[in-house]
Structure formats: C-alpha cells, structure tokens
Amino acid sequence: MVVNVAARARAIELAESVLHRGRAGLEELVADLVAIGLFIYGLHDLNSPATARRGNRLAMIGSDGLPHDAFPHPRLWGTFPRVLGHYVRDLGVLSMEDAVRKMTGHTADVFGLVDRGVIRVGAYADLALFDPSTVRDAATFNEPTKPAEGILETWVNGASAYVHGLGATAARGGRLVTRNQP
C-alpha cells in the first residue's frame, strides 16, 4: 500500500486537533478541512459493477476535486477518463453516449448552465477529443496530477487548453459560469 505521508500527517494533526477543541471548535475544524479540500458528500459506489449497472438516467457524473489543494485527490485528474475507460470500455456498464451525456449536457441542464454541454452553433465550445480505445485514468495518490492517457486535446470556450504531449497551453479561455446566464 502506498501512503502519501504528508497528507496522512495532516489528517492525524486535524484528528488530534478536534479531540482538544470539542464541539465548540467544530466550525473551525470544518473550515480547516475545506481549506485542504475535504468535502463530505454522498455517492453510490461506482466501483461496484452492480451499482453502475442499476444506473439512473437522472444521475450525473462529476468530480469534487479542487485543483489548488496541497494534496489533491487523484479523482480530480481521473474521474472522467476512469468512467470512459473503465466503466464504458472495460466493464460495459454505460454506453459511451450515456456517459458523455451524464458528464456534459445533462449536468449543464440540471445546473442551468446555458449553452454549455452541447455542440451547436452559438454554444460555448468546451470540448475534449479523446481516443475511446486508450482513454484511462493515470493519476495516483503518489502522482495525483498525472495526466490521463488517451486525451488528445481539450478546448475551453473554443481555445485549445491542453494538447497531448505538450501539456497545458498558454490560452486562458475560462470564465465564470453562473446559473441561467449565457
């Protein structure tokens, strides 16, 4: 088993801290945890093929990883490639079309993100070009920012943001996205 020693040390430090703070320090502890990128959330275990096969058409696929964490979780760099490579290609528990819909258009609709998650004239061009036969997550706890395999290029608002073999480009096409605003 590989352990990120620094992350483990920080977790132990926080656990010891809560023992001394009691209930009065709970809000401060939560602030500490949010600052290091820990979110408390609930999800179905997609690692279980039975759960994935039961899939709900209304379910969305996303990640809660934070890119500026001192110790980012590998899912930040690996969630989408893992779904496309492992669950779609390897296990066949989702179709490619359904997986992409759950990651893009459906999610944009649920969150009211106008002109996002679709490919059409006038919509924002947030796109990823990937090879379905090779896409897979590569990030690990020791290398949490290791790029996925099989992602050839990505565009943010039409600007090339990442090119395989070259990494991130100088383009900064991102902008604040708000609900029900074009």
Protein backbone atom coordinates (compact mmCIF):
# COMPACT_ATOMS: atom_id res chain seq x y z
CA MET A 1 0.00 0.00 0.00
CA VAL A 2 1.32 3.42 -0.97
CA VAL A 3 0.66 6.23 1.51
CA ASN A 4 1.08 9.94 0.98
CA VAL A 5 2.99 10.65 4.19
CA ALA A 6 2.37 14.42 4.20
CA ALA A 7 -1.38 14.02 3.66
CA ARG A 8 -1.55 11.36 6.38
CA ALA A 9 0.37 13.61 8.80
CA ARG A 10 -2.07 16.47 8.13
CA ALA A 11 -5.06 14.15 8.69
CA ILE A 12 -3.61 12.99 12.02
CA GLU A 13 -2.95 16.60 13.02
CA LEU A 14 -6.59 17.51 12.29
CA ALA A 15 -7.91 14.47 14.16
CA GLU A 16 -5.83 15.32 17.24
CA SER A 17 -6.99 18.92 16.99
CA VAL A 18 -10.67 18.02 17.09
CA LEU A 19 -10.11 15.95 20.25
CA HIS A 20 -8.89 19.09 22.02
CA ARG A 21 -11.41 21.54 20.55
CA GLY A 22 -14.65 19.76 21.41
CA ARG A 23 -17.96 20.77 19.90
CA ALA A 24 -17.19 24.47 20.21
CA GLY A 25 -14.40 24.11 17.66
CA LEU A 26 -16.45 22.23 15.08
CA GLU A 27 -16.91 25.22 12.75
CA GLU A 28 -13.20 25.97 12.88
CA LEU A 29 -12.42 22.33 12.11
CA VAL A 30 -14.77 22.32 9.12
CA ALA A 31 -13.05 25.47 7.84
CA ASP A 32 -9.69 23.68 8.18
CA LEU A 33 -10.99 20.68 6.27
CA VAL A 34 -12.46 22.79 3.49
CA ALA A 35 -9.16 24.66 3.23
CA ILE A 36 -7.33 21.41 2.49
CA GLY A 37 -10.00 20.29 0.08
CA LEU A 38 -12.01 17.79 2.08
CA PHE A 39 -15.68 17.72 1.24
CA ILE A 40 -18.21 15.48 2.92
CA TYR A 41 -20.50 14.04 0.34
CA GLY A 42 -22.55 11.01 -0.52
CA LEU A 43 -22.42 8.95 -3.66
CA HIS A 44 -23.16 5.50 -4.91
CA ASP A 45 -20.13 3.28 -5.23
CA LEU A 46 -19.44 3.21 -8.97
CA ASN A 47 -16.65 0.77 -8.22
CA SER A 48 -19.40 -1.78 -7.79
CA PRO A 49 -20.49 -3.05 -11.23
CA ALA A 50 -23.93 -3.86 -9.77
CA THR A 51 -24.40 -0.23 -8.70
CA ALA A 52 -23.19 1.10 -12.04
CA ARG A 53 -25.49 -1.25 -13.97
CA ARG A 54 -28.50 -0.06 -11.97
CA GLY A 55 -27.65 3.43 -13.22
CA ASN A 56 -30.26 6.10 -13.05
CA ARG A 57 -30.92 8.15 -16.19
CA LEU A 58 -31.08 11.25 -13.98
CA ALA A 59 -27.64 10.64 -12.43
CA MET A 60 -24.74 12.94 -13.33
CA ILE A 61 -21.03 12.25 -13.40
CA GLY A 62 -18.68 14.83 -11.89
CA SER A 63 -15.80 15.37 -9.52
CA ASP A 64 -15.41 17.43 -6.38
CA GLY A 65 -11.63 17.64 -6.64
CA LEU A 66 -10.01 21.02 -6.08
CA PRO A 67 -7.02 21.87 -8.32
CA HIS A 68 -5.17 24.02 -5.80
CA ASP A 69 -5.19 21.56 -2.91
CA ALA A 70 -1.83 20.86 -1.34
CA PHE A 71 -2.70 17.16 -1.65
CA PRO A 72 -5.25 16.84 -4.47
CA HIS A 73 -7.19 13.63 -4.77
CA PRO A 74 -6.35 11.70 -7.98
CA ARG A 75 -10.02 11.82 -8.98
CA LEU A 76 -9.56 15.47 -10.00
CA TRP A 77 -7.43 14.32 -12.94
CA GLY A 78 -9.03 10.91 -13.33
CA THR A 79 -12.80 10.92 -12.86
CA PHE A 80 -13.89 11.36 -16.46
CA PRO A 81 -11.17 9.19 -18.05
CA ARG A 82 -11.94 6.47 -15.50
CA VAL A 83 -15.60 6.46 -16.43
CA LEU A 84 -14.84 6.43 -20.16
CA GLY A 85 -12.08 3.83 -19.96
CA HIS A 86 -13.08 1.56 -17.11
CA TYR A 87 -16.87 1.71 -16.89
CA VAL A 88 -17.68 2.29 -20.55
CA ARG A 89 -14.93 0.43 -22.43
CA ASP A 90 -13.74 -2.22 -19.95
CA LEU A 91 -16.88 -3.11 -18.00
CA GLY A 92 -19.56 -2.00 -20.47
CA VAL A 93 -21.86 -0.78 -17.69
CA LEU A 94 -22.60 2.50 -19.51
CA SER A 95 -22.76 3.35 -23.19
CA MET A 96 -20.30 5.97 -24.45
CA GLU A 97 -23.23 8.21 -25.36
CA ASP A 98 -24.85 7.95 -21.93
CA ALA A 99 -21.56 8.54 -20.11
CA VAL A 100 -20.79 11.66 -22.17
CA ARG A 101 -24.39 12.92 -21.69
CA LYS A 102 -24.10 12.45 -17.90
CA MET A 103 -20.81 14.42 -17.90
CA THR A 104 -21.91 17.25 -20.17
CA GLY A 105 -25.39 18.15 -21.43
CA HIS A 106 -27.40 16.58 -18.64
CA THR A 107 -25.24 18.17 -15.95
CA ALA A 108 -25.42 21.57 -17.68
CA ASP A 109 -29.22 21.27 -17.88
CA VAL A 110 -29.58 20.33 -14.21
CA PHE A 111 -27.41 23.23 -13.08
CA GLY A 112 -28.94 25.71 -15.55
CA LEU A 113 -25.71 26.32 -17.46
CA VAL A 114 -26.95 27.99 -20.64
CA ASP A 115 -25.22 26.97 -23.90
CA ARG A 116 -22.94 24.50 -22.09
CA GLY A 117 -22.70 20.76 -22.53
CA VAL A 118 -23.85 20.80 -26.15
CA ILE A 119 -22.20 21.09 -29.56
CA ARG A 120 -24.08 23.60 -31.69
CA VAL A 121 -23.61 26.97 -33.34
CA GLY A 122 -23.63 29.71 -30.70
CA ALA A 123 -22.83 27.40 -27.76
CA TYR A 124 -19.58 27.63 -25.82
CA ALA A 125 -17.02 25.24 -27.22
CA ASP A 126 -15.89 23.29 -24.15
CA LEU A 127 -14.68 20.11 -25.82
CA ALA A 128 -12.44 17.12 -25.21
CA LEU A 129 -11.01 14.98 -28.01
CA PHE A 130 -10.15 11.52 -26.73
CA ASP A 131 -9.38 8.07 -28.10
CA PRO A 132 -12.04 5.66 -26.77
CA SER A 133 -9.66 2.72 -27.18
CA THR A 134 -6.91 4.19 -24.97
CA VAL A 135 -8.51 6.70 -22.59
CA ARG A 136 -7.86 5.82 -18.95
CA ASP A 137 -7.05 7.50 -15.65
CA ALA A 138 -3.38 7.54 -14.69
CA ALA A 139 -3.34 9.71 -11.54
CA THR A 140 -2.38 8.01 -8.28
CA PHE A 141 -2.04 9.17 -4.70
CA ASN A 142 1.72 9.49 -5.27
CA GLU A 143 1.23 11.27 -8.62
CA PRO A 144 -2.20 12.91 -8.22
CA THR A 145 -1.74 15.34 -11.13
CA LYS A 146 -0.52 12.79 -13.67
CA PRO A 147 -2.49 13.41 -16.89
CA ALA A 148 -4.87 10.78 -18.14
CA GLU A 149 -3.96 8.68 -21.13
CA GLY A 150 -5.87 8.95 -24.38
CA ILE A 151 -6.90 12.62 -24.04
CA LEU A 152 -5.64 14.22 -27.25
CA GLU A 153 -6.77 17.83 -26.84
CA THR A 154 -9.23 19.93 -24.86
CA TRP A 155 -10.77 23.31 -25.62
CA VAL A 156 -12.28 25.82 -23.19
CA ASN A 157 -14.60 28.34 -24.81
CA GLY A 158 -13.06 27.41 -28.16
CA ALA A 159 -9.46 27.99 -27.07
CA SER A 160 -7.10 25.00 -27.05
CA ALA A 161 -6.26 24.45 -23.38
CA TYR A 162 -4.38 21.14 -23.42
CA VAL A 163 -2.56 19.18 -26.12
CA HIS A 164 -1.32 15.62 -25.57
CA GLY A 165 2.46 15.52 -25.38
CA LEU A 166 2.71 19.27 -24.84
CA GLY A 167 0.55 19.78 -21.76
CA ALA A 168 -1.38 22.92 -20.89
CA THR A 169 -1.31 25.71 -23.45
CA ALA A 170 -0.94 29.42 -22.74
CA ALA A 171 -4.61 30.01 -23.65
CA ARG A 172 -6.88 31.01 -20.80
CA GLY A 173 -10.37 30.65 -22.26
CA GLY A 174 -12.11 30.02 -18.95
CA ARG A 175 -14.67 32.35 -17.44
CA LEU A 176 -17.05 32.38 -14.51
CA VAL A 177 -20.05 30.19 -15.29
CA THR A 178 -23.26 31.06 -13.47
CA ARG A 179 -26.71 29.54 -13.45
CA ASN A 180 -29.15 30.70 -16.14
CA GLN A 181 -26.66 33.20 -17.58
CA PRO A 182 -25.25 32.93 -21.12
